[in-house]
Amino acid sequence: MTDDPPPHPALLPAGLRDLLPPDAETEAAAVQGLMDAFSAHGYQRVKPPLLEFEDSLLAGTGAAVADQTFRLMDPETRRMMGLRADITPQVARIATTRLAHAPRPLRLSYAGQCLRVQGSQIAPDRQVAQAGIELIGHDSPAADAEIVLVAAEALGMLGLTRLSYDLTMPPLVPTLLDEAGFSAEQRAALGRALDRKDAAAVQARAGALAGTLSDLLLAAGPAHGALEALAAAALTPAARRHAERLADTVAAILARAPDLRLTVDPVEFRGFRYHTGVSLSVFAPGRHEELGRGGRYVCGENEPATGVTLYPDAVLRAMPPRPARPRLYLPPGTDAAQAAALRAEGFATVAGFDAGAADAAARASGCTHFLRNGVAVRLAE
């Protein structure tokens, strides 16, 4: 019997990958662009740790991602720790502890890496970059709209202007099911039918709600038509309040950004974890992965909050091609002041160490230009 050959050093666990040039730099620049846009709207940055004690990391909204959280023992305290799978619960913890007495509404932003136990079929990555904002301490359609508008502006600054902002109201269908007295088994079966948009199964399983849920199922689409169908639907008073809040939020968004592409899905409620009100998913044309997700939730015990998390990895894949920064080869002995001036012009300068043909050395260094007689000369294709 022979020993198995050692694994190739470039082999990584499933769902983890290296990001190489120029994509790593492009992603970093995209994250910085998002954070600059958030800051311009008054969102102040916080930086939670990668690891926390399990009992605090998975408390409150963190419980929704408990099954996606890697756990390990802290060798110093012998307490269990968790490696964050989502940053939003950490920001909620900061808001309710370290910033409990800060004026409200509290506007916080963040960016960082998360690690998840499993990826999904659509999004197989287990290490996920996040950049987002949380608006804590105010409950109104204007606050819900601000989250959508700031996200749209931030993504627009990266060249993503043809996105779809899909709005939902996750409590709407559960409210109808609660009032109709559906059992857990019936709710699960009906939830699967709604998730698959299976109108026949909804009709067969919804009982007295068949007409209402079928109407709502068919209403999904552009915001104007969906809200008209929602207004005409036979809803209970509690469900009607959810529908009106969704309509008020759409009106607040369109009042400031009338050209924003908004869609509404009145029956979508699965997969929104801890969201308790108007919620959001962001998509790019022709792509199935989400560029971002957010919505209203409860921060701490009872404080209203809303927010959105953008996924820079997905944003990078959807972004229009970004012109590469020109790389300029500098022969040994190039004046430092001249090199600084060239960088100020937009070049990335690559200092040469060996004398020789500058054009050949520039090509070997992956440069687009080389310096000849003090002038940047483009390499021939």
Protein backbone atom coordinates (compact mmCIF):
# COMPACT_ATOMS: atom_id res chain seq x y z
CA MET A 1 0.00 0.00 0.00
CA THR A 2 1.32 3.42 -0.90
CA ASP A 3 0.60 6.68 0.80
CA ASP A 4 -1.81 9.06 -0.91
CA PRO A 5 -0.05 11.91 -2.68
CA PRO A 6 -0.08 15.19 -0.77
CA PRO A 7 -2.88 17.57 -1.79
CA HIS A 8 -2.01 20.25 -4.29
CA PRO A 9 -1.14 23.47 -2.39
CA ALA A 10 -3.63 25.45 -4.48
CA LEU A 11 -6.53 23.17 -3.48
CA LEU A 12 -8.97 24.94 -1.16
CA PRO A 13 -12.04 23.69 0.74
CA ALA A 14 -15.32 23.78 -1.17
CA GLY A 15 -16.85 27.24 -1.21
CA LEU A 16 -13.56 29.05 -0.58
CA ARG A 17 -11.41 30.65 -3.25
CA ASP A 18 -8.53 32.99 -3.89
CA LEU A 19 -9.33 36.32 -5.49
CA LEU A 20 -6.52 37.25 -7.87
CA PRO A 21 -5.44 40.45 -9.67
CA PRO A 22 -7.13 42.51 -10.89
CA ASP A 23 -10.35 41.26 -9.25
CA ALA A 24 -9.10 41.63 -5.67
CA GLU A 25 -8.26 45.29 -6.24
CA THR A 26 -11.53 45.87 -8.08
CA GLU A 27 -13.52 44.38 -5.20
CA ALA A 28 -11.62 46.46 -2.63
CA ALA A 29 -12.31 49.60 -4.64
CA ALA A 30 -15.99 48.64 -4.94
CA VAL A 31 -16.28 48.14 -1.17
CA GLN A 32 -14.64 51.50 -0.56
CA GLY A 33 -17.04 53.11 -3.03
CA LEU A 34 -20.02 51.61 -1.21
CA MET A 35 -18.70 52.75 2.17
CA ASP A 36 -18.08 56.28 0.86
CA ALA A 37 -21.68 56.45 -0.36
CA PHE A 38 -22.97 55.22 3.00
CA SER A 39 -20.82 57.76 4.84
CA ALA A 40 -22.13 60.58 2.65
CA HIS A 41 -25.62 59.81 3.97
CA GLY A 42 -24.56 59.98 7.59
CA TYR A 43 -23.94 56.27 8.26
CA GLN A 44 -21.02 55.85 10.66
CA ARG A 45 -18.79 52.81 10.34
CA VAL A 46 -18.42 50.14 13.02
CA LYS A 47 -16.09 47.13 12.97
CA PRO A 48 -17.31 44.07 14.89
CA PRO A 49 -14.86 41.20 15.55
CA LEU A 50 -14.75 38.03 13.46
CA LEU A 51 -15.31 35.89 16.57
CA GLU A 52 -17.65 36.33 19.51
CA PHE A 53 -18.85 34.23 22.38
CA GLU A 54 -21.58 31.97 21.08
CA ASP A 55 -24.23 33.12 23.54
CA SER A 56 -23.95 36.75 22.40
CA LEU A 57 -23.32 36.10 18.70
CA LEU A 58 -26.40 33.89 18.36
CA ALA A 59 -28.73 35.93 20.58
CA GLY A 60 -31.63 37.92 19.13
CA THR A 61 -31.47 38.14 15.35
CA GLY A 62 -28.31 36.01 15.40
CA ALA A 63 -30.43 32.92 16.15
CA ALA A 64 -31.57 32.98 12.51
CA VAL A 65 -28.07 32.05 11.30
CA ALA A 66 -27.14 29.61 14.10
CA ASP A 67 -27.13 26.64 11.70
CA GLN A 68 -24.67 28.48 9.43
CA THR A 69 -22.21 29.37 12.20
CA PHE A 70 -18.85 27.68 12.69
CA ARG A 71 -18.12 27.06 16.38
CA LEU A 72 -14.87 26.54 18.29
CA MET A 73 -13.61 26.50 21.84
CA ASP A 74 -11.81 29.57 23.20
CA PRO A 75 -8.59 28.13 24.73
CA GLU A 76 -8.39 30.97 27.26
CA THR A 77 -11.89 31.02 28.73
CA ARG A 78 -12.98 27.48 27.70
CA ARG A 79 -16.20 29.04 26.39
CA MET A 80 -17.70 28.29 23.01
CA MET A 81 -17.20 30.93 20.34
CA GLY A 82 -18.78 31.46 16.95
CA LEU A 83 -17.30 32.73 13.68
CA ARG A 84 -19.81 35.20 12.28
CA ALA A 85 -22.02 34.14 9.40
CA ASP A 86 -23.69 37.56 9.13
CA ILE A 87 -22.69 41.01 10.40
CA THR A 88 -26.17 42.45 10.96
CA PRO A 89 -26.71 40.66 14.32
CA GLN A 90 -23.35 42.02 15.51
CA VAL A 91 -24.36 45.56 14.61
CA ALA A 92 -27.62 45.03 16.50
CA ARG A 93 -25.60 43.93 19.55
CA ILE A 94 -23.42 47.05 19.33
CA ALA A 95 -26.50 49.26 19.03
CA THR A 96 -28.13 47.75 22.11
CA THR A 97 -25.00 47.66 24.29
CA ARG A 98 -22.09 49.95 23.43
CA LEU A 99 -24.35 52.50 21.72
CA ALA A 100 -27.48 51.99 23.83
CA HIS A 101 -27.52 55.65 24.88
CA ALA A 102 -26.55 57.15 21.51
CA PRO A 103 -29.19 59.44 19.93
CA ARG A 104 -31.75 57.78 17.69
CA PRO A 105 -32.23 57.14 14.88
CA LEU A 106 -28.82 55.50 14.81
CA ARG A 107 -27.19 55.11 11.40
CA LEU A 108 -24.36 52.56 11.24
CA SER A 109 -22.40 51.02 8.37
CA TYR A 110 -20.05 48.06 8.15
CA ALA A 111 -17.93 45.96 5.79
CA GLY A 112 -16.19 42.65 6.37
CA GLN A 113 -15.94 38.95 5.68
CA CYS A 114 -18.29 36.22 6.95
CA LEU A 115 -17.93 32.44 6.92
CA ARG A 116 -20.84 30.05 6.54
CA VAL A 117 -21.11 26.33 7.13
CA GLN A 118 -22.73 25.77 3.73
CA GLY A 119 -23.24 27.63 0.50
CA SER A 120 -26.33 27.30 -1.66
CA GLN A 121 -26.80 26.03 -5.19
CA ILE A 122 -27.12 29.60 -6.49
CA ALA A 123 -24.45 31.08 -4.19
CA PRO A 124 -21.93 28.30 -3.42
CA ASP A 125 -19.34 30.55 -1.74
CA ARG A 126 -18.97 29.94 1.99
CA GLN A 127 -16.75 32.95 2.61
CA VAL A 128 -18.93 35.96 1.84
CA ALA A 129 -18.03 39.64 1.82
CA GLN A 130 -20.65 42.02 3.18
CA ALA A 131 -21.08 45.80 3.15
CA GLY A 132 -24.20 47.36 4.54
CA ILE A 133 -26.11 49.87 6.60
CA GLU A 134 -28.50 49.71 9.54
CA LEU A 135 -30.99 52.41 10.54
CA ILE A 136 -31.96 51.76 14.15
CA GLY A 137 -34.60 53.43 16.30
CA HIS A 138 -37.19 54.65 13.79
CA ASP A 139 -40.21 52.91 12.28
CA SER A 140 -41.72 54.61 9.24
CA PRO A 141 -42.09 54.23 5.47
CA ALA A 142 -39.53 57.03 5.10
CA ALA A 143 -36.95 54.95 6.99
CA ASP A 144 -37.72 51.87 4.88
CA ALA A 145 -37.39 53.99 1.74
CA GLU A 146 -34.07 55.48 2.85
CA ILE A 147 -32.46 52.07 3.01
CA VAL A 148 -33.50 51.29 -0.57
CA LEU A 149 -32.50 54.71 -1.87
CA VAL A 150 -29.05 54.73 -0.25
CA ALA A 151 -28.34 51.23 -1.53
CA ALA A 152 -29.46 52.24 -5.04
CA GLU A 153 -27.25 55.33 -4.98
CA ALA A 154 -24.24 53.37 -3.75
CA LEU A 155 -24.65 50.70 -6.44
CA GLY A 156 -25.29 53.35 -9.07
CA MET A 157 -21.94 54.95 -8.27
CA LEU A 158 -20.34 51.63 -9.26
CA GLY A 159 -22.08 51.71 -12.64
CA LEU A 160 -24.97 49.43 -11.65
CA THR A 161 -27.94 51.51 -12.74
CA ARG A 162 -30.25 48.88 -14.31
CA LEU A 163 -30.99 46.88 -11.19
CA SER A 164 -34.29 45.53 -9.93
CA TYR A 165 -35.29 46.30 -6.34
CA ASP A 166 -37.74 43.61 -5.28
CA LEU A 167 -39.90 44.53 -2.28
CA THR A 168 -41.79 42.08 -0.13
CA MET A 169 -43.77 42.08 3.12
CA PRO A 170 -42.82 38.80 4.86
CA PRO A 171 -45.45 39.09 7.67
CA LEU A 172 -48.38 39.42 5.23
CA VAL A 173 -49.00 35.77 4.37
CA PRO A 174 -48.20 34.46 7.90
CA THR A 175 -50.77 36.95 9.27
CA LEU A 176 -53.43 35.53 6.95
CA LEU A 177 -52.48 31.96 7.85
CA ASP A 178 -52.50 32.71 11.59
CA GLU A 179 -55.95 34.25 11.43
CA ALA A 180 -57.27 31.35 9.34
CA GLY A 181 -56.02 28.82 11.91
CA PHE A 182 -53.79 26.76 9.61
CA SER A 183 -51.84 23.95 11.29
CA ALA A 184 -48.06 23.77 11.11
CA GLU A 185 -48.29 20.96 8.54
CA GLN A 186 -50.74 22.91 6.40
CA ARG A 187 -48.59 26.04 6.62
CA ALA A 188 -45.49 24.14 5.52
CA ALA A 189 -47.22 22.61 2.51
CA LEU A 190 -48.78 25.92 1.49
CA GLY A 191 -45.48 27.70 2.02
CA ARG A 192 -43.78 25.32 -0.40
CA ALA A 193 -46.52 25.92 -2.98
CA LEU A 194 -46.20 29.69 -2.66
CA ASP A 195 -42.43 29.48 -2.83
CA ARG A 196 -42.65 27.53 -6.10
CA LYS A 197 -45.36 29.91 -7.38
CA ASP A 198 -47.52 26.82 -7.96
CA ALA A 199 -51.00 28.31 -8.47
CA ALA A 200 -52.72 24.91 -8.72
CA ALA A 201 -51.21 23.70 -5.44
CA VAL A 202 -52.14 26.97 -3.74
CA GLN A 203 -55.75 26.55 -4.90
CA ALA A 204 -55.78 22.97 -3.63
CA ARG A 205 -54.24 23.69 -0.21
CA ALA A 206 -55.39 27.19 0.77
CA GLY A 207 -59.00 26.40 1.64
CA ALA A 208 -60.95 29.60 2.35
CA LEU A 209 -57.85 31.62 1.49
CA ALA A 210 -57.52 30.11 -1.98
CA GLY A 211 -59.00 33.11 -3.78
CA THR A 212 -57.02 35.69 -1.83
CA LEU A 213 -53.68 33.89 -2.07
CA SER A 214 -54.19 33.10 -5.76
CA ASP A 215 -54.89 36.78 -6.46
CA LEU A 216 -51.78 37.80 -4.53
CA LEU A 217 -49.69 35.14 -6.24
CA LEU A 218 -50.64 36.50 -9.65
CA ALA A 219 -50.08 40.09 -8.54
CA ALA A 220 -46.27 39.80 -8.31
CA GLY A 221 -44.54 42.12 -10.76
CA PRO A 222 -43.90 45.83 -11.35
CA ALA A 223 -44.81 47.84 -8.27
CA HIS A 224 -47.72 49.84 -9.68
CA GLY A 225 -49.71 46.84 -10.91
CA ALA A 226 -48.83 44.69 -7.89
CA LEU A 227 -50.03 47.36 -5.47
CA GLU A 228 -53.28 47.80 -7.39
CA ALA A 229 -53.92 44.06 -7.11
CA LEU A 230 -52.97 44.15 -3.43
CA ALA A 231 -55.40 47.01 -2.79
CA ALA A 232 -58.19 45.06 -4.46
CA ALA A 233 -57.51 41.81 -2.58
CA ALA A 234 -59.78 40.60 0.21
CA LEU A 235 -57.54 41.11 3.23
CA THR A 236 -58.22 41.10 6.94
CA PRO A 237 -57.60 44.36 8.82
CA ALA A 238 -54.23 43.16 10.16
CA ALA A 239 -53.09 42.01 6.71
CA ARG A 240 -54.40 45.25 5.20
CA ARG A 241 -52.11 47.25 7.49
CA HIS A 242 -49.12 45.33 6.12
CA ALA A 243 -50.25 46.00 2.55
CA GLU A 244 -50.70 49.71 3.23
CA ARG A 245 -47.26 49.97 4.80
CA LEU A 246 -45.75 48.36 1.70
CA ALA A 247 -47.65 50.80 -0.54
CA ASP A 248 -46.54 53.78 1.56
CA THR A 249 -42.92 52.66 1.30
CA VAL A 250 -43.14 52.33 -2.48
CA ALA A 251 -44.63 55.84 -2.67
CA ALA A 252 -41.81 57.23 -0.51
CA ILE A 253 -39.18 55.61 -2.75
CA LEU A 254 -40.70 56.76 -6.02
CA ALA A 255 -41.16 60.30 -4.71
CA ARG A 256 -37.36 60.61 -4.61
CA ALA A 257 -36.35 58.17 -7.36
CA PRO A 258 -39.21 57.88 -9.85
CA ASP A 259 -37.11 55.92 -12.36
CA LEU A 260 -36.01 53.22 -9.92
CA ARG A 261 -37.14 49.79 -11.07
CA LEU A 262 -39.33 48.47 -8.25
CA THR A 263 -41.14 45.15 -8.22
CA VAL A 264 -43.43 43.80 -5.49
CA ASP A 265 -44.12 40.19 -4.54
CA PRO A 266 -46.96 40.16 -1.98
CA VAL A 267 -46.64 36.45 -1.11
CA GLU A 268 -42.87 36.05 -0.80
CA PHE A 269 -42.01 35.35 2.82
CA ARG A 270 -39.67 32.34 2.92
CA GLY A 271 -35.97 32.86 3.52
CA PHE A 272 -36.26 36.32 5.07
CA ARG A 273 -35.19 34.98 8.47
CA TYR A 274 -35.69 37.70 11.07
CA HIS A 275 -37.41 40.32 8.90
CA THR A 276 -40.64 41.69 10.32
CA GLY A 277 -41.71 44.31 7.77
CA VAL A 278 -40.91 45.69 4.34
CA SER A 279 -37.98 43.69 2.93
CA LEU A 280 -35.75 44.00 -0.10
CA SER A 281 -33.74 41.90 -2.55
CA VAL A 282 -31.53 43.42 -5.25
CA PHE A 283 -30.95 41.73 -8.61
CA ALA A 284 -29.05 42.56 -11.78
CA PRO A 285 -30.56 41.81 -15.23
CA GLY A 286 -29.90 38.25 -16.34
CA ARG A 287 -28.42 37.14 -12.99
CA HIS A 288 -30.05 34.88 -10.42
CA GLU A 289 -27.84 35.68 -7.43
CA GLU A 290 -28.79 38.49 -5.09
CA LEU A 291 -26.59 41.57 -5.01
CA GLY A 292 -28.10 42.49 -1.67
CA ARG A 293 -30.83 41.76 0.83
CA GLY A 294 -32.37 43.65 3.71
CA GLY A 295 -35.48 44.70 5.51
CA ARG A 296 -37.13 45.63 8.77
CA TYR A 297 -36.41 43.72 11.97
CA VAL A 298 -36.41 44.11 15.75
CA CYS A 299 -33.12 45.22 17.29
CA GLY A 300 -32.58 43.91 20.80
CA GLU A 301 -35.80 43.43 22.74
CA ASN A 302 -38.16 45.82 20.96
CA GLU A 303 -36.31 48.59 19.09
CA PRO A 304 -37.40 49.06 15.45
CA ALA A 305 -34.67 48.79 12.85
CA THR A 306 -34.15 48.32 9.15
CA GLY A 307 -31.10 47.77 6.99
CA VAL A 308 -29.59 46.28 3.87
CA THR A 309 -26.55 44.10 3.27
CA LEU A 310 -24.83 44.21 -0.11
CA TYR A 311 -22.61 41.35 -1.29
CA PRO A 312 -19.46 42.74 -2.93
CA ASP A 313 -18.57 39.38 -4.54
CA ALA A 314 -21.89 39.36 -6.40
CA VAL A 315 -21.63 43.10 -7.07
CA LEU A 316 -18.21 42.54 -8.65
CA ARG A 317 -19.60 39.88 -10.98
CA ALA A 318 -22.42 42.20 -12.08
CA MET A 319 -20.36 45.37 -12.46
CA PRO A 320 -19.47 46.67 -15.93
CA PRO A 321 -15.81 46.08 -16.84
CA ARG A 322 -13.57 48.48 -14.96
CA PRO A 323 -10.65 49.94 -16.96
CA ALA A 324 -7.42 48.58 -15.54
CA ARG A 325 -5.07 51.14 -14.05
CA PRO A 326 -2.13 51.57 -16.49
CA ARG A 327 1.13 50.11 -15.16
CA LEU A 328 4.30 52.05 -15.94
CA TYR A 329 7.76 50.49 -15.76
CA LEU A 330 10.42 52.80 -14.32
CA PRO A 331 14.05 52.04 -15.21
CA PRO A 332 16.53 51.94 -12.31
CA GLY A 333 17.57 55.42 -11.17
CA THR A 334 14.30 57.16 -12.15
CA ASP A 335 13.92 60.39 -10.20
CA ALA A 336 11.60 59.94 -7.19
CA ALA A 337 9.81 63.23 -7.78
CA GLN A 338 9.10 62.29 -11.38
CA ALA A 339 7.80 58.89 -10.30
CA ALA A 340 5.45 60.56 -7.79
CA ALA A 341 4.20 62.91 -10.50
CA LEU A 342 3.45 59.96 -12.77
CA ARG A 343 1.49 58.23 -10.03
CA ALA A 344 -0.47 61.44 -9.56
CA GLU A 345 -1.36 61.23 -13.25
CA GLY A 346 -2.95 57.82 -12.63
CA PHE A 347 -0.15 55.37 -13.36
CA ALA A 348 0.78 52.49 -11.10
CA THR A 349 4.56 52.61 -11.22
CA VAL A 350 6.71 49.47 -11.16
CA ALA A 351 10.32 50.17 -10.20
CA GLY A 352 12.93 48.24 -12.16
CA PHE A 353 15.96 46.76 -10.43
CA ASP A 354 18.17 45.67 -13.34
CA ALA A 355 19.58 47.65 -16.24
CA GLY A 356 18.50 46.54 -19.68
CA ALA A 357 15.90 47.11 -22.35
CA ALA A 358 13.09 48.98 -20.65
CA ASP A 359 10.40 47.73 -23.03
CA ALA A 360 11.32 44.07 -22.48
CA ALA A 361 11.49 44.54 -18.71
CA ALA A 362 8.14 46.35 -18.78
CA ARG A 363 6.52 43.49 -20.68
CA ALA A 364 7.96 40.92 -18.28
CA SER A 365 6.55 42.95 -15.35
CA GLY A 366 3.04 43.01 -16.79
CA CYS A 367 3.20 46.74 -17.53
CA THR A 368 1.27 48.62 -20.18
CA HIS A 369 3.85 51.43 -20.48
CA PHE A 370 7.55 52.06 -19.96
CA LEU A 371 9.45 55.27 -19.30
CA ARG A 372 11.72 56.42 -22.11
CA ASN A 373 13.54 59.74 -21.95
CA GLY A 374 11.15 60.92 -19.26
CA VAL A 375 8.03 60.10 -21.32
CA ALA A 376 5.53 57.27 -20.70
CA VAL A 377 5.41 55.14 -23.85
CA ARG A 378 2.71 52.50 -24.39
CA LEU A 379 3.94 49.01 -25.20
CA ALA A 380 3.01 47.71 -28.62
CA GLU A 381 0.23 45.12 -28.55
